[in-house]
mmCIF file of all heavy atoms, coordinates in Angstrom:
data_MODEL
# 
_entry.id   MODEL 
# 
loop_
_atom_site.group_PDB 
_atom_site.id 
_atom_site.type_symbol 
_atom_site.label_atom_id 
_atom_site.label_alt_id 
_atom_site.label_comp_id 
_atom_site.label_asym_id 
_atom_site.label_entity_id 
_atom_site.label_seq_id 
_atom_site.pdbx_PDB_ins_code 
_atom_site.Cartn_x 
_atom_site.Cartn_y 
_atom_site.Cartn_z 
_atom_site.occupancy 
_atom_site.B_iso_or_equiv 
_atom_site.pdbx_formal_charge 
_atom_site.auth_seq_id 
_atom_site.auth_comp_id 
_atom_site.auth_asym_id 
_atom_site.auth_atom_id 
_atom_site.pdbx_PDB_model_num 
ATOM 1   N N   . ASP A 1 1  ? 6.003   -12.877 1.521  1.00 0.00 ? 1  ASP A N   1 
ATOM 2   C CA  . ASP A 1 1  ? 5.323   -11.661 1.079  1.00 0.00 ? 1  ASP A CA  1 
ATOM 3   C C   . ASP A 1 1  ? 3.927   -11.571 1.685  1.00 0.00 ? 1  ASP A C   1 
ATOM 4   O O   . ASP A 1 1  ? 3.529   -10.522 2.206  1.00 0.00 ? 1  ASP A O   1 
ATOM 5   C CB  . ASP A 1 1  ? 5.232   -11.654 -0.453 1.00 0.00 ? 1  ASP A CB  1 
ATOM 6   C CG  . ASP A 1 1  ? 4.547   -10.410 -0.984 1.00 0.00 ? 1  ASP A CG  1 
ATOM 7   O OD1 . ASP A 1 1  ? 3.304   -10.444 -1.145 1.00 0.00 ? 1  ASP A OD1 1 
ATOM 8   O OD2 . ASP A 1 1  ? 5.229   -9.413  -1.263 1.00 0.00 ? 1  ASP A OD2 1 
ATOM 9   N N   . SER A 1 2  ? 3.183   -12.665 1.656  1.00 0.00 ? 2  SER A N   1 
ATOM 10  C CA  . SER A 1 2  ? 1.810   -12.651 2.185  1.00 0.00 ? 2  SER A CA  1 
ATOM 11  C C   . SER A 1 2  ? 1.798   -12.484 3.695  1.00 0.00 ? 2  SER A C   1 
ATOM 12  O O   . SER A 1 2  ? 0.888   -11.851 4.246  1.00 0.00 ? 2  SER A O   1 
ATOM 13  C CB  . SER A 1 2  ? 1.073   -13.930 1.791  1.00 0.00 ? 2  SER A CB  1 
ATOM 14  O OG  . SER A 1 2  ? 1.597   -15.068 2.458  1.00 0.00 ? 2  SER A OG  1 
ATOM 15  N N   . LEU A 1 3  ? 2.786   -13.031 4.398  1.00 0.00 ? 3  LEU A N   1 
ATOM 16  C CA  . LEU A 1 3  ? 2.855   -12.865 5.851  1.00 0.00 ? 3  LEU A CA  1 
ATOM 17  C C   . LEU A 1 3  ? 3.079   -11.400 6.220  1.00 0.00 ? 3  LEU A C   1 
ATOM 18  O O   . LEU A 1 3  ? 2.447   -10.874 7.140  1.00 0.00 ? 3  LEU A O   1 
ATOM 19  C CB  . LEU A 1 3  ? 3.973   -13.726 6.430  1.00 0.00 ? 3  LEU A CB  1 
ATOM 20  C CG  . LEU A 1 3  ? 3.757   -15.239 6.411  1.00 0.00 ? 3  LEU A CG  1 
ATOM 21  C CD1 . LEU A 1 3  ? 4.999   -15.959 6.920  1.00 0.00 ? 3  LEU A CD1 1 
ATOM 22  C CD2 . LEU A 1 3  ? 2.535   -15.638 7.226  1.00 0.00 ? 3  LEU A CD2 1 
ATOM 23  N N   . ILE A 1 4  ? 3.969   -10.746 5.508  1.00 0.00 ? 4  ILE A N   1 
ATOM 24  C CA  . ILE A 1 4  ? 4.212   -9.329  5.781  1.00 0.00 ? 4  ILE A CA  1 
ATOM 25  C C   . ILE A 1 4  ? 2.972   -8.508  5.484  1.00 0.00 ? 4  ILE A C   1 
ATOM 26  O O   . ILE A 1 4  ? 2.566   -7.643  6.269  1.00 0.00 ? 4  ILE A O   1 
ATOM 27  C CB  . ILE A 1 4  ? 5.413   -8.830  4.965  1.00 0.00 ? 4  ILE A CB  1 
ATOM 28  C CG1 . ILE A 1 4  ? 6.690   -9.555  5.413  1.00 0.00 ? 4  ILE A CG1 1 
ATOM 29  C CG2 . ILE A 1 4  ? 5.576   -7.313  5.104  1.00 0.00 ? 4  ILE A CG2 1 
ATOM 30  C CD1 . ILE A 1 4  ? 7.877   -9.342  4.501  1.00 0.00 ? 4  ILE A CD1 1 
ATOM 31  N N   . MET A 1 5  ? 2.316   -8.785  4.359  1.00 0.00 ? 5  MET A N   1 
ATOM 32  C CA  . MET A 1 5  ? 1.119   -8.034  3.997  1.00 0.00 ? 5  MET A CA  1 
ATOM 33  C C   . MET A 1 5  ? -0.029  -8.294  4.961  1.00 0.00 ? 5  MET A C   1 
ATOM 34  O O   . MET A 1 5  ? -0.923  -7.454  5.114  1.00 0.00 ? 5  MET A O   1 
ATOM 35  C CB  . MET A 1 5  ? 0.711   -8.360  2.569  1.00 0.00 ? 5  MET A CB  1 
ATOM 36  C CG  . MET A 1 5  ? 1.692   -7.864  1.511  1.00 0.00 ? 5  MET A CG  1 
ATOM 37  S SD  . MET A 1 5  ? 2.040   -6.087  1.649  1.00 0.00 ? 5  MET A SD  1 
ATOM 38  C CE  . MET A 1 5  ? 0.403   -5.400  1.322  1.00 0.00 ? 5  MET A CE  1 
ATOM 39  N N   . ALA A 1 6  ? -0.013  -9.426  5.644  1.00 0.00 ? 6  ALA A N   1 
ATOM 40  C CA  . ALA A 1 6  ? -1.063  -9.710  6.629  1.00 0.00 ? 6  ALA A CA  1 
ATOM 41  C C   . ALA A 1 6  ? -1.049  -8.706  7.762  1.00 0.00 ? 6  ALA A C   1 
ATOM 42  O O   . ALA A 1 6  ? -2.081  -8.460  8.394  1.00 0.00 ? 6  ALA A O   1 
ATOM 43  C CB  . ALA A 1 6  ? -0.900  -11.129 7.181  1.00 0.00 ? 6  ALA A CB  1 
ATOM 44  N N   . THR A 1 7  ? 0.100   -8.092  8.017  1.00 0.00 ? 7  THR A N   1 
ATOM 45  C CA  . THR A 1 7  ? 0.181   -7.142  9.121  1.00 0.00 ? 7  THR A CA  1 
ATOM 46  C C   . THR A 1 7  ? -0.413  -5.783  8.770  1.00 0.00 ? 7  THR A C   1 
ATOM 47  O O   . THR A 1 7  ? -0.350  -4.861  9.592  1.00 0.00 ? 7  THR A O   1 
ATOM 48  C CB  . THR A 1 7  ? 1.637   -6.965  9.596  1.00 0.00 ? 7  THR A CB  1 
ATOM 49  O OG1 . THR A 1 7  ? 2.439   -6.419  8.542  1.00 0.00 ? 7  THR A OG1 1 
ATOM 50  C CG2 . THR A 1 7  ? 2.217   -8.301  10.048 1.00 0.00 ? 7  THR A CG2 1 
ATOM 51  N N   . CYS A 1 8  ? -1.016  -5.662  7.590  1.00 0.00 ? 8  CYS A N   1 
ATOM 52  C CA  . CYS A 1 8  ? -1.831  -4.473  7.315  1.00 0.00 ? 8  CYS A CA  1 
ATOM 53  C C   . CYS A 1 8  ? -3.043  -4.428  8.238  1.00 0.00 ? 8  CYS A C   1 
ATOM 54  O O   . CYS A 1 8  ? -3.625  -3.370  8.466  1.00 0.00 ? 8  CYS A O   1 
ATOM 55  C CB  . CYS A 1 8  ? -2.321  -4.486  5.867  1.00 0.00 ? 8  CYS A CB  1 
ATOM 56  S SG  . CYS A 1 8  ? -1.048  -4.219  4.631  1.00 0.00 ? 8  CYS A SG  1 
ATOM 57  N N   . HIS A 1 9  ? -3.449  -5.612  8.727  1.00 0.00 ? 9  HIS A N   1 
ATOM 58  C CA  . HIS A 1 9  ? -4.609  -5.725  9.615  1.00 0.00 ? 9  HIS A CA  1 
ATOM 59  C C   . HIS A 1 9  ? -5.885  -5.190  8.964  1.00 0.00 ? 9  HIS A C   1 
ATOM 60  O O   . HIS A 1 9  ? -6.753  -4.605  9.623  1.00 0.00 ? 9  HIS A O   1 
ATOM 61  C CB  . HIS A 1 9  ? -4.360  -5.028  10.961 1.00 0.00 ? 9  HIS A CB  1 
ATOM 62  C CG  . HIS A 1 9  ? -3.123  -5.525  11.641 1.00 0.00 ? 9  HIS A CG  1 
ATOM 63  N ND1 . HIS A 1 9  ? -2.967  -6.833  12.024 1.00 0.00 ? 9  HIS A ND1 1 
ATOM 64  C CD2 . HIS A 1 9  ? -1.962  -4.899  11.967 1.00 0.00 ? 9  HIS A CD2 1 
ATOM 65  C CE1 . HIS A 1 9  ? -1.783  -6.996  12.568 1.00 0.00 ? 9  HIS A CE1 1 
ATOM 66  N NE2 . HIS A 1 9  ? -1.149  -5.841  12.540 1.00 0.00 ? 9  HIS A NE2 1 
ATOM 67  N N   . LEU A 1 10 ? -6.004  -5.401  7.663  1.00 0.00 ? 10 LEU A N   1 
ATOM 68  C CA  . LEU A 1 10 ? -7.212  -5.056  6.930  1.00 0.00 ? 10 LEU A CA  1 
ATOM 69  C C   . LEU A 1 10 ? -7.958  -6.328  6.586  1.00 0.00 ? 10 LEU A C   1 
ATOM 70  O O   . LEU A 1 10 ? -7.419  -7.429  6.653  1.00 0.00 ? 10 LEU A O   1 
ATOM 71  C CB  . LEU A 1 10 ? -6.857  -4.295  5.644  1.00 0.00 ? 10 LEU A CB  1 
ATOM 72  C CG  . LEU A 1 10 ? -6.047  -3.014  5.826  1.00 0.00 ? 10 LEU A CG  1 
ATOM 73  C CD1 . LEU A 1 10 ? -5.651  -2.455  4.466  1.00 0.00 ? 10 LEU A CD1 1 
ATOM 74  C CD2 . LEU A 1 10 ? -6.834  -1.985  6.614  1.00 0.00 ? 10 LEU A CD2 1 
ATOM 75  N N   . GLU A 1 11 ? -9.209  -6.197  6.173  1.00 0.00 ? 11 GLU A N   1 
ATOM 76  C CA  . GLU A 1 11 ? -10.006 -7.373  5.857  1.00 0.00 ? 11 GLU A CA  1 
ATOM 77  C C   . GLU A 1 11 ? -9.388  -8.186  4.725  1.00 0.00 ? 11 GLU A C   1 
ATOM 78  O O   . GLU A 1 11 ? -9.499  -9.404  4.686  1.00 0.00 ? 11 GLU A O   1 
ATOM 79  C CB  . GLU A 1 11 ? -11.440 -6.974  5.493  1.00 0.00 ? 11 GLU A CB  1 
ATOM 80  C CG  . GLU A 1 11 ? -12.237 -6.454  6.678  1.00 0.00 ? 11 GLU A CG  1 
ATOM 81  C CD  . GLU A 1 11 ? -12.315 -7.445  7.819  1.00 0.00 ? 11 GLU A CD  1 
ATOM 82  O OE1 . GLU A 1 11 ? -12.480 -8.644  7.562  1.00 0.00 ? 11 GLU A OE1 1 
ATOM 83  O OE2 . GLU A 1 11 ? -12.185 -7.017  8.983  1.00 0.00 ? 11 GLU A OE2 1 
ATOM 84  N N   . ASP A 1 12 ? -8.727  -7.499  3.782  1.00 0.00 ? 12 ASP A N   1 
ATOM 85  C CA  . ASP A 1 12 ? -8.116  -8.217  2.673  1.00 0.00 ? 12 ASP A CA  1 
ATOM 86  C C   . ASP A 1 12 ? -6.841  -8.939  3.080  1.00 0.00 ? 12 ASP A C   1 
ATOM 87  O O   . ASP A 1 12 ? -6.342  -9.786  2.357  1.00 0.00 ? 12 ASP A O   1 
ATOM 88  C CB  . ASP A 1 12 ? -7.785  -7.250  1.526  1.00 0.00 ? 12 ASP A CB  1 
ATOM 89  C CG  . ASP A 1 12 ? -9.035  -6.745  0.831  1.00 0.00 ? 12 ASP A CG  1 
ATOM 90  O OD1 . ASP A 1 12 ? -10.100 -7.379  1.001  1.00 0.00 ? 12 ASP A OD1 1 
ATOM 91  O OD2 . ASP A 1 12 ? -8.959  -5.728  0.130  1.00 0.00 ? 12 ASP A OD2 1 
ATOM 92  N N   . TYR A 1 13 ? -6.293  -8.584  4.241  1.00 0.00 ? 13 TYR A N   1 
ATOM 93  C CA  . TYR A 1 13 ? -5.047  -9.186  4.693  1.00 0.00 ? 13 TYR A CA  1 
ATOM 94  C C   . TYR A 1 13 ? -5.243  -9.717  6.116  1.00 0.00 ? 13 TYR A C   1 
ATOM 95  O O   . TYR A 1 13 ? -5.800  -10.769 6.339  1.00 0.00 ? 13 TYR A O   1 
ATOM 96  C CB  . TYR A 1 13 ? -3.909  -8.163  4.625  1.00 0.00 ? 13 TYR A CB  1 
ATOM 97  C CG  . TYR A 1 13 ? -3.628  -7.688  3.233  1.00 0.00 ? 13 TYR A CG  1 
ATOM 98  C CD1 . TYR A 1 13 ? -3.972  -6.404  2.821  1.00 0.00 ? 13 TYR A CD1 1 
ATOM 99  C CD2 . TYR A 1 13 ? -3.022  -8.522  2.303  1.00 0.00 ? 13 TYR A CD2 1 
ATOM 100 C CE1 . TYR A 1 13 ? -3.706  -5.971  1.526  1.00 0.00 ? 13 TYR A CE1 1 
ATOM 101 C CE2 . TYR A 1 13 ? -2.763  -8.104  1.009  1.00 0.00 ? 13 TYR A CE2 1 
ATOM 102 C CZ  . TYR A 1 13 ? -3.099  -6.832  0.634  1.00 0.00 ? 13 TYR A CZ  1 
ATOM 103 O OH  . TYR A 1 13 ? -2.847  -6.405  -0.628 1.00 0.00 ? 13 TYR A OH  1 
ATOM 104 N N   . GLY A 1 14 ? -4.774  -8.942  7.097  1.00 0.00 ? 14 GLY A N   1 
ATOM 105 C CA  . GLY A 1 14 ? -4.790  -9.416  8.477  1.00 0.00 ? 14 GLY A CA  1 
ATOM 106 C C   . GLY A 1 14 ? -6.169  -9.543  9.083  1.00 0.00 ? 14 GLY A C   1 
ATOM 107 O O   . GLY A 1 14 ? -6.355  -10.224 10.078 1.00 0.00 ? 14 GLY A O   1 
ATOM 108 N N   . GLY A 1 15 ? -7.177  -8.871  8.526  1.00 0.00 ? 15 GLY A N   1 
ATOM 109 C CA  . GLY A 1 15 ? -8.501  -8.929  9.122  1.00 0.00 ? 15 GLY A CA  1 
ATOM 110 C C   . GLY A 1 15 ? -9.078  -10.326 9.137  1.00 0.00 ? 15 GLY A C   1 
ATOM 111 O O   . GLY A 1 15 ? -9.760  -10.723 10.068 1.00 0.00 ? 15 GLY A O   1 
ATOM 112 N N   . THR A 1 16 ? -8.806  -11.076 8.090  1.00 0.00 ? 16 THR A N   1 
ATOM 113 C CA  . THR A 1 16 ? -9.288  -12.452 7.994  1.00 0.00 ? 16 THR A CA  1 
ATOM 114 C C   . THR A 1 16 ? -8.152  -13.305 7.439  1.00 0.00 ? 16 THR A C   1 
ATOM 115 O O   . THR A 1 16 ? -8.167  -13.681 6.266  1.00 0.00 ? 16 THR A O   1 
ATOM 116 C CB  . THR A 1 16 ? -10.523 -12.554 7.086  1.00 0.00 ? 16 THR A CB  1 
ATOM 117 O OG1 . THR A 1 16 ? -10.235 -11.912 5.831  1.00 0.00 ? 16 THR A OG1 1 
ATOM 118 C CG2 . THR A 1 16 ? -11.723 -11.892 7.721  1.00 0.00 ? 16 THR A CG2 1 
ATOM 119 N N   . ALA A 1 17 ? -7.167  -13.567 8.254  1.00 0.00 ? 17 ALA A N   1 
ATOM 120 C CA  . ALA A 1 17 ? -6.014  -14.349 7.809  1.00 0.00 ? 17 ALA A CA  1 
ATOM 121 C C   . ALA A 1 17 ? -6.463  -15.725 7.348  1.00 0.00 ? 17 ALA A C   1 
ATOM 122 O O   . ALA A 1 17 ? -7.275  -16.385 7.995  1.00 0.00 ? 17 ALA A O   1 
ATOM 123 C CB  . ALA A 1 17 ? -5.003  -14.468 8.948  1.00 0.00 ? 17 ALA A CB  1 
ATOM 124 N N   . LYS A 1 18 ? -5.927  -16.167 6.228  1.00 0.00 ? 18 LYS A N   1 
ATOM 125 C CA  . LYS A 1 18 ? -6.435  -17.371 5.574  1.00 0.00 ? 18 LYS A CA  1 
ATOM 126 C C   . LYS A 1 18 ? -5.636  -18.631 5.908  1.00 0.00 ? 18 LYS A C   1 
ATOM 127 O O   . LYS A 1 18 ? -6.080  -19.733 5.625  1.00 0.00 ? 18 LYS A O   1 
ATOM 128 C CB  . LYS A 1 18 ? -6.462  -17.157 4.060  1.00 0.00 ? 18 LYS A CB  1 
ATOM 129 C CG  . LYS A 1 18 ? -7.417  -16.051 3.619  1.00 0.00 ? 18 LYS A CG  1 
ATOM 130 C CD  . LYS A 1 18 ? -7.345  -15.831 2.113  1.00 0.00 ? 18 LYS A CD  1 
ATOM 131 C CE  . LYS A 1 18 ? -8.386  -14.806 1.659  1.00 0.00 ? 18 LYS A CE  1 
ATOM 132 N NZ  . LYS A 1 18 ? -8.188  -13.488 2.303  1.00 0.00 ? 18 LYS A NZ  1 
ATOM 133 N N   . THR A 1 19 ? -4.450  -18.500 6.465  1.00 0.00 ? 19 THR A N   1 
ATOM 134 C CA  . THR A 1 19 ? -3.639  -19.661 6.794  1.00 0.00 ? 19 THR A CA  1 
ATOM 135 C C   . THR A 1 19 ? -3.233  -19.605 8.258  1.00 0.00 ? 19 THR A C   1 
ATOM 136 O O   . THR A 1 19 ? -3.281  -18.552 8.892  1.00 0.00 ? 19 THR A O   1 
ATOM 137 C CB  . THR A 1 19 ? -2.368  -19.704 5.926  1.00 0.00 ? 19 THR A CB  1 
ATOM 138 O OG1 . THR A 1 19 ? -1.502  -18.612 6.304  1.00 0.00 ? 19 THR A OG1 1 
ATOM 139 C CG2 . THR A 1 19 ? -2.710  -19.598 4.434  1.00 0.00 ? 19 THR A CG2 1 
ATOM 140 N N   . GLN A 1 20 ? -2.801  -20.754 8.778  1.00 0.00 ? 20 GLN A N   1 
ATOM 141 C CA  . GLN A 1 20 ? -2.344  -20.794 10.162 1.00 0.00 ? 20 GLN A CA  1 
ATOM 142 C C   . GLN A 1 20 ? -1.145  -19.885 10.366 1.00 0.00 ? 20 GLN A C   1 
ATOM 143 O O   . GLN A 1 20 ? -1.049  -19.160 11.374 1.00 0.00 ? 20 GLN A O   1 
ATOM 144 C CB  . GLN A 1 20 ? -1.975  -22.224 10.543 1.00 0.00 ? 20 GLN A CB  1 
ATOM 145 C CG  . GLN A 1 20 ? -1.521  -22.401 11.987 1.00 0.00 ? 20 GLN A CG  1 
ATOM 146 C CD  . GLN A 1 20 ? -2.656  -22.216 12.972 1.00 0.00 ? 20 GLN A CD  1 
ATOM 147 O OE1 . GLN A 1 20 ? -3.423  -23.125 13.202 1.00 0.00 ? 20 GLN A OE1 1 
ATOM 148 N NE2 . GLN A 1 20 ? -2.758  -21.030 13.557 1.00 0.00 ? 20 GLN A NE2 1 
ATOM 149 N N   . LEU A 1 21 ? -0.212  -19.907 9.413  1.00 0.00 ? 21 LEU A N   1 
ATOM 150 C CA  . LEU A 1 21 ? 0.962   -19.045 9.539  1.00 0.00 ? 21 LEU A CA  1 
ATOM 151 C C   . LEU A 1 21 ? 0.576   -17.572 9.585  1.00 0.00 ? 21 LEU A C   1 
ATOM 152 O O   . LEU A 1 21 ? 1.104   -16.796 10.393 1.00 0.00 ? 21 LEU A O   1 
ATOM 153 C CB  . LEU A 1 21 ? 1.932   -19.294 8.381  1.00 0.00 ? 21 LEU A CB  1 
ATOM 154 C CG  . LEU A 1 21 ? 2.831   -20.523 8.460  1.00 0.00 ? 21 LEU A CG  1 
ATOM 155 C CD1 . LEU A 1 21 ? 3.713   -20.610 7.216  1.00 0.00 ? 21 LEU A CD1 1 
ATOM 156 C CD2 . LEU A 1 21 ? 3.686   -20.518 9.718  1.00 0.00 ? 21 LEU A CD2 1 
ATOM 157 N N   . SER A 1 22 ? -0.335  -17.161 8.709  1.00 0.00 ? 22 SER A N   1 
ATOM 158 C CA  . SER A 1 22 ? -0.720  -15.746 8.692  1.00 0.00 ? 22 SER A CA  1 
ATOM 159 C C   . SER A 1 22 ? -1.502  -15.370 9.946  1.00 0.00 ? 22 SER A C   1 
ATOM 160 O O   . SER A 1 22 ? -1.392  -14.250 10.437 1.00 0.00 ? 22 SER A O   1 
ATOM 161 C CB  . SER A 1 22 ? -1.514  -15.410 7.432  1.00 0.00 ? 22 SER A CB  1 
ATOM 162 O OG  . SER A 1 22 ? -2.688  -16.178 7.334  1.00 0.00 ? 22 SER A OG  1 
ATOM 163 N N   . GLN A 1 23 ? -2.276  -16.303 10.501 1.00 0.00 ? 23 GLN A N   1 
ATOM 164 C CA  . GLN A 1 23 ? -2.953  -16.035 11.770 1.00 0.00 ? 23 GLN A CA  1 
ATOM 165 C C   . GLN A 1 23 ? -1.932  -15.784 12.871 1.00 0.00 ? 23 GLN A C   1 
ATOM 166 O O   . GLN A 1 23 ? -2.066  -14.838 13.654 1.00 0.00 ? 23 GLN A O   1 
ATOM 167 C CB  . GLN A 1 23 ? -3.861  -17.206 12.148 1.00 0.00 ? 23 GLN A CB  1 
ATOM 168 C CG  . GLN A 1 23 ? -5.116  -17.306 11.314 1.00 0.00 ? 23 GLN A CG  1 
ATOM 169 C CD  . GLN A 1 23 ? -5.995  -18.466 11.741 1.00 0.00 ? 23 GLN A CD  1 
ATOM 170 O OE1 . GLN A 1 23 ? -5.658  -19.216 12.654 1.00 0.00 ? 23 GLN A OE1 1 
ATOM 171 N NE2 . GLN A 1 23 ? -7.119  -18.633 11.070 1.00 0.00 ? 23 GLN A NE2 1 
ATOM 172 N N   . TRP A 1 24 ? -0.922  -16.623 12.941 1.00 0.00 ? 24 TRP A N   1 
ATOM 173 C CA  . TRP A 1 24 ? 0.110   -16.435 13.961 1.00 0.00 ? 24 TRP A CA  1 
ATOM 174 C C   . TRP A 1 24 ? 0.870   -15.133 13.725 1.00 0.00 ? 24 TRP A C   1 
ATOM 175 O O   . TRP A 1 24 ? 1.204   -14.418 14.674 1.00 0.00 ? 24 TRP A O   1 
ATOM 176 C CB  . TRP A 1 24 ? 1.073   -17.622 13.961 1.00 0.00 ? 24 TRP A CB  1 
ATOM 177 C CG  . TRP A 1 24 ? 0.495   -18.844 14.590 1.00 0.00 ? 24 TRP A CG  1 
ATOM 178 C CD1 . TRP A 1 24 ? -0.474  -18.907 15.558 1.00 0.00 ? 24 TRP A CD1 1 
ATOM 179 C CD2 . TRP A 1 24 ? 0.848   -20.196 14.306 1.00 0.00 ? 24 TRP A CD2 1 
ATOM 180 N NE1 . TRP A 1 24 ? -0.744  -20.213 15.895 1.00 0.00 ? 24 TRP A NE1 1 
ATOM 181 C CE2 . TRP A 1 24 ? 0.048   -21.028 15.148 1.00 0.00 ? 24 TRP A CE2 1 
ATOM 182 C CE3 . TRP A 1 24 ? 1.740   -20.807 13.432 1.00 0.00 ? 24 TRP A CE3 1 
ATOM 183 C CZ2 . TRP A 1 24 ? 0.148   -22.425 15.126 1.00 0.00 ? 24 TRP A CZ2 1 
ATOM 184 C CZ3 . TRP A 1 24 ? 1.837   -22.189 13.410 1.00 0.00 ? 24 TRP A CZ3 1 
ATOM 185 C CH2 . TRP A 1 24 ? 1.040   -22.991 14.251 1.00 0.00 ? 24 TRP A CH2 1 
ATOM 186 N N   . MET A 1 25 ? 1.138   -14.823 12.480 1.00 0.00 ? 25 MET A N   1 
ATOM 187 C CA  . MET A 1 25 ? 1.844   -13.585 12.146 1.00 0.00 ? 25 MET A CA  1 
ATOM 188 C C   . MET A 1 25 ? 1.066   -12.372 12.658 1.00 0.00 ? 25 MET A C   1 
ATOM 189 O O   . MET A 1 25 ? 1.610   -11.481 13.320 1.00 0.00 ? 25 MET A O   1 
ATOM 190 C CB  . MET A 1 25 ? 2.030   -13.500 10.631 1.00 0.00 ? 25 MET A CB  1 
ATOM 191 C CG  . MET A 1 25 ? 2.799   -12.281 10.163 1.00 0.00 ? 25 MET A CG  1 
ATOM 192 S SD  . MET A 1 25 ? 4.568   -12.445 10.454 1.00 0.00 ? 25 MET A SD  1 
ATOM 193 C CE  . MET A 1 25 ? 5.136   -10.868 9.811  1.00 0.00 ? 25 MET A CE  1 
ATOM 194 N N   . VAL A 1 26 ? -0.209  -12.337 12.350 1.00 0.00 ? 26 VAL A N   1 
ATOM 195 C CA  . VAL A 1 26 ? -1.064  -11.226 12.773 1.00 0.00 ? 26 VAL A CA  1 
ATOM 196 C C   . VAL A 1 26 ? -1.167  -11.177 14.293 1.00 0.00 ? 26 VAL A C   1 
ATOM 197 O O   . VAL A 1 26 ? -1.068  -10.107 14.904 1.00 0.00 ? 26 VAL A O   1 
ATOM 198 C CB  . VAL A 1 26 ? -2.463  -11.356 12.136 1.00 0.00 ? 26 VAL A CB  1 
ATOM 199 C CG1 . VAL A 1 26 ? -3.437  -10.363 12.756 1.00 0.00 ? 26 VAL A CG1 1 
ATOM 200 C CG2 . VAL A 1 26 ? -2.380  -11.141 10.631 1.00 0.00 ? 26 VAL A CG2 1 
# 
């Protein structure tokens, strides 16, 4: 769920990805 939401590319999500997985996702 958090990986998909990271692709919003907003500061609360993809703008500042908090994990390595979410960084790669974005």
